[in-house]
Amino acid sequence: MLTFISGGVRSGKSRLAEQLAEQDAETRGGALFYLATAATPQESEMQARIRWHQQDRGKAWITLEEPIDLNAVLPRLQANSTLLLDCLTLWSSQVMFASDFSPKEAIEELDAFIQALTDQQIHLIIVSNDINECLPPNTPELLNYVRFLQCLHQCLTAQADHVIQMLGGCAYDWKGG
């Protein structure tokens, strides 16, 4: 199963994703994994947010960290578990600006990852930011990034069993809710 949750910055999407993941893990009786896609942050605000999220999640969560190669975590997962990937926005920016992946290869990488999880009956919950609803990008690189992220969003919403958009702490089910 694939659940995709998007929304603006601090809209409540991560909290909702964590709640859904915990409910799913409890119902199915599987392990609960958190895949952090942030590279080692340099800024203190991001470090503080990461620490807060880790403490808030509690001990039931098994945290995995992988900023680019999602498939590298597959051997560490257990069948019939729940995996929360937070967040696609960071992963896609690192793929675009700090890896050798082309956008096409990145989409293929994400598709292969999703298929591998489906084969193991792992419920994947992906969180991403809606960045296309703010000011238009003012550089070609940023415009390409926004287009790439929106392409990923469209691919995910087509594949997802459940699509949720967060707006000001309210969840709107667009598909499968």
Protein backbone atom coordinates (compact mmCIF):
# COMPACT_ATOMS: atom_id res chain seq x y z
CA MET A 1 0.00 0.00 0.00
CA LEU A 2 1.18 3.52 -0.81
CA THR A 3 -0.03 6.65 0.99
CA PHE A 4 1.10 10.07 -0.27
CA ILE A 5 0.74 13.15 1.96
CA SER A 6 1.60 16.63 0.73
CA GLY A 7 1.15 20.09 2.14
CA GLY A 8 2.85 23.35 2.93
CA VAL A 9 5.65 23.81 5.43
CA ARG A 10 4.46 23.04 8.99
CA SER A 11 0.96 22.13 7.77
CA GLY A 12 0.78 19.03 9.98
CA LYS A 13 1.68 16.48 7.30
CA SER A 14 4.48 14.78 9.26
CA ARG A 15 2.35 14.46 12.39
CA LEU A 16 -0.52 12.97 10.39
CA ALA A 17 1.87 10.60 8.60
CA GLU A 18 3.27 9.43 11.94
CA GLN A 19 -0.24 8.83 13.31
CA LEU A 20 -1.25 6.84 10.23
CA ALA A 21 1.97 4.82 10.36
CA GLU A 22 1.51 4.01 14.04
CA GLN A 23 -2.11 2.94 13.46
CA ASP A 24 -1.08 0.78 10.50
CA ALA A 25 1.76 -0.89 12.40
CA GLU A 26 -0.53 -1.61 15.34
CA THR A 27 -3.25 -3.06 13.10
CA ARG A 28 -0.88 -5.20 11.04
CA GLY A 29 1.50 -6.05 13.87
CA GLY A 30 4.60 -5.16 11.87
CA ALA A 31 7.67 -3.07 12.61
CA LEU A 32 7.56 0.71 12.35
CA PHE A 33 10.33 2.35 10.30
CA TYR A 34 11.15 6.02 9.73
CA LEU A 35 13.29 6.80 6.68
CA ALA A 36 14.91 10.21 7.13
CA THR A 37 16.12 11.65 3.83
CA ALA A 38 17.89 14.73 5.20
CA ALA A 39 21.62 14.88 4.64
CA THR A 40 23.56 15.82 7.76
CA PRO A 41 22.19 19.31 8.42
CA GLN A 42 24.57 22.21 8.97
CA GLU A 43 22.06 24.70 10.31
CA SER A 44 21.05 24.62 13.96
CA GLU A 45 17.32 25.13 13.28
CA MET A 46 17.17 21.98 11.14
CA GLN A 47 19.21 20.04 13.72
CA ALA A 48 16.79 21.14 16.44
CA ARG A 49 13.77 20.11 14.34
CA ILE A 50 15.30 16.67 13.72
CA ARG A 51 15.97 16.17 17.46
CA TRP A 52 12.43 17.26 18.32
CA HIS A 53 10.91 14.87 15.76
CA GLN A 54 13.06 11.97 17.02
CA GLN A 55 12.00 12.56 20.63
CA ASP A 56 8.37 13.05 19.65
CA ARG A 57 8.24 9.76 17.70
CA GLY A 58 9.29 7.63 20.64
CA LYS A 59 11.02 4.28 20.94
CA ALA A 60 8.65 2.21 18.78
CA TRP A 61 10.24 3.70 15.66
CA ILE A 62 13.32 2.29 13.94
CA THR A 63 15.07 5.23 12.27
CA LEU A 64 16.95 4.75 9.01
CA GLU A 65 18.87 7.55 7.32
CA GLU A 66 19.53 7.69 3.58
CA PRO A 67 19.65 10.98 1.69
CA ILE A 68 19.84 9.61 -1.88
CA ASP A 69 19.95 5.82 -2.43
CA LEU A 70 16.54 4.68 -1.18
CA ASN A 71 17.13 1.09 -2.27
CA ALA A 72 20.11 0.88 0.12
CA VAL A 73 17.70 0.55 3.07
CA LEU A 74 15.76 -2.39 1.63
CA PRO A 75 17.87 -5.11 3.35
CA ARG A 76 17.16 -3.49 6.74
CA LEU A 77 13.36 -3.60 6.37
CA GLN A 78 11.01 -6.39 7.43
CA ALA A 79 8.10 -7.75 5.42
CA ASN A 80 4.63 -6.60 6.50
CA SER A 81 6.00 -3.51 8.22
CA THR A 82 5.23 0.19 7.84
CA LEU A 83 7.73 2.70 6.44
CA LEU A 84 7.38 6.47 6.67
CA LEU A 85 9.61 8.34 4.19
CA ASP A 86 10.03 11.94 5.35
CA CYS A 87 10.50 13.72 3.11
CA LEU A 88 10.38 13.48 -0.68
CA THR A 89 11.19 17.19 -1.00
CA LEU A 90 14.62 16.76 0.60
CA TRP A 91 15.30 13.52 -1.26
CA SER A 92 14.45 15.09 -4.62
CA SER A 93 16.62 18.17 -3.97
CA GLN A 94 19.58 15.96 -3.06
CA VAL A 95 19.00 13.80 -6.13
CA MET A 96 18.82 16.90 -8.32
CA PHE A 97 21.73 18.85 -6.87
CA ALA A 98 24.04 16.33 -5.12
CA SER A 99 23.90 13.11 -7.12
CA ASP A 100 24.61 11.72 -10.56
CA PHE A 101 20.98 10.68 -11.11
CA SER A 102 19.12 12.24 -14.01
CA PRO A 103 15.47 13.05 -13.30
CA LYS A 104 14.46 9.99 -15.35
CA GLU A 105 16.82 7.76 -13.37
CA ALA A 106 15.50 9.20 -10.10
CA ILE A 107 11.92 8.37 -11.09
CA GLU A 108 13.04 4.84 -12.02
CA GLU A 109 14.84 4.57 -8.64
CA LEU A 110 11.71 5.65 -6.78
CA ASP A 111 9.51 3.27 -8.80
CA ALA A 112 11.88 0.34 -8.11
CA PHE A 113 11.85 1.22 -4.40
CA ILE A 114 8.05 1.32 -4.30
CA GLN A 115 7.81 -1.99 -6.17
CA ALA A 116 10.27 -3.68 -3.79
CA LEU A 117 8.21 -2.49 -0.82
CA THR A 118 4.99 -3.65 -2.45
CA ASP A 119 6.52 -7.08 -3.03
CA GLN A 120 7.32 -7.29 0.71
CA GLN A 121 3.84 -6.01 1.66
CA ILE A 122 5.34 -2.95 3.32
CA HIS A 123 2.99 0.02 3.68
CA LEU A 124 4.88 3.07 2.43
CA ILE A 125 3.81 6.53 3.56
CA ILE A 126 5.55 9.38 1.73
CA VAL A 127 5.53 12.99 2.94
CA SER A 128 6.32 15.90 0.62
CA ASN A 129 6.01 19.69 0.52
CA ASP A 130 3.78 21.61 -1.86
CA ILE A 131 6.33 24.14 -3.05
CA ASN A 132 4.66 24.97 -6.35
CA GLU A 133 2.04 27.11 -4.65
CA CYS A 134 4.36 29.91 -3.55
CA LEU A 135 6.27 32.52 -5.52
CA PRO A 136 7.40 31.43 -8.99
CA PRO A 137 11.00 30.13 -9.15
CA ASN A 138 13.42 32.90 -10.09
CA THR A 139 16.29 30.78 -11.45
CA PRO A 140 16.38 28.08 -14.14
CA GLU A 141 17.76 25.57 -11.62
CA LEU A 142 14.94 26.18 -9.18
CA LEU A 143 12.35 26.02 -11.96
CA ASN A 144 13.76 22.65 -13.07
CA TYR A 145 13.67 21.43 -9.48
CA VAL A 146 10.03 22.46 -8.98
CA ARG A 147 9.11 20.75 -12.26
CA PHE A 148 10.95 17.60 -11.19
CA LEU A 149 9.26 17.53 -7.78
CA GLN A 150 5.84 18.06 -9.36
CA CYS A 151 6.55 15.22 -11.79
CA LEU A 152 7.32 13.00 -8.78
CA HIS A 153 4.09 14.14 -7.12
CA GLN A 154 2.07 13.27 -10.23
CA CYS A 155 3.70 9.83 -10.48
CA LEU A 156 3.00 9.16 -6.81
CA THR A 157 -0.61 10.32 -6.86
CA ALA A 158 -1.24 8.06 -9.86
CA GLN A 159 0.22 5.04 -8.01
CA ALA A 160 -0.99 5.81 -4.49
CA ASP A 161 -3.85 4.02 -2.81
CA HIS A 162 -4.45 7.04 -0.56
CA VAL A 163 -3.64 10.70 -1.32
CA ILE A 164 -3.96 13.37 1.36
CA GLN A 165 -3.29 17.10 1.21
CA MET A 166 -2.73 19.03 4.43
CA LEU A 167 -3.85 22.62 4.67
CA GLY A 168 -3.54 24.50 7.95
CA GLY A 169 -3.70 21.30 9.97
CA CYS A 170 -6.75 19.95 8.11
CA ALA A 171 -6.46 16.76 6.07
CA TYR A 172 -8.19 16.60 2.69
CA ASP A 173 -8.55 13.14 1.18
CA TRP A 174 -8.23 13.33 -2.58
CA LYS A 175 -8.00 9.62 -3.29
CA GLY A 176 -8.79 6.44 -1.40
CA GLY A 177 -9.83 8.06 1.86
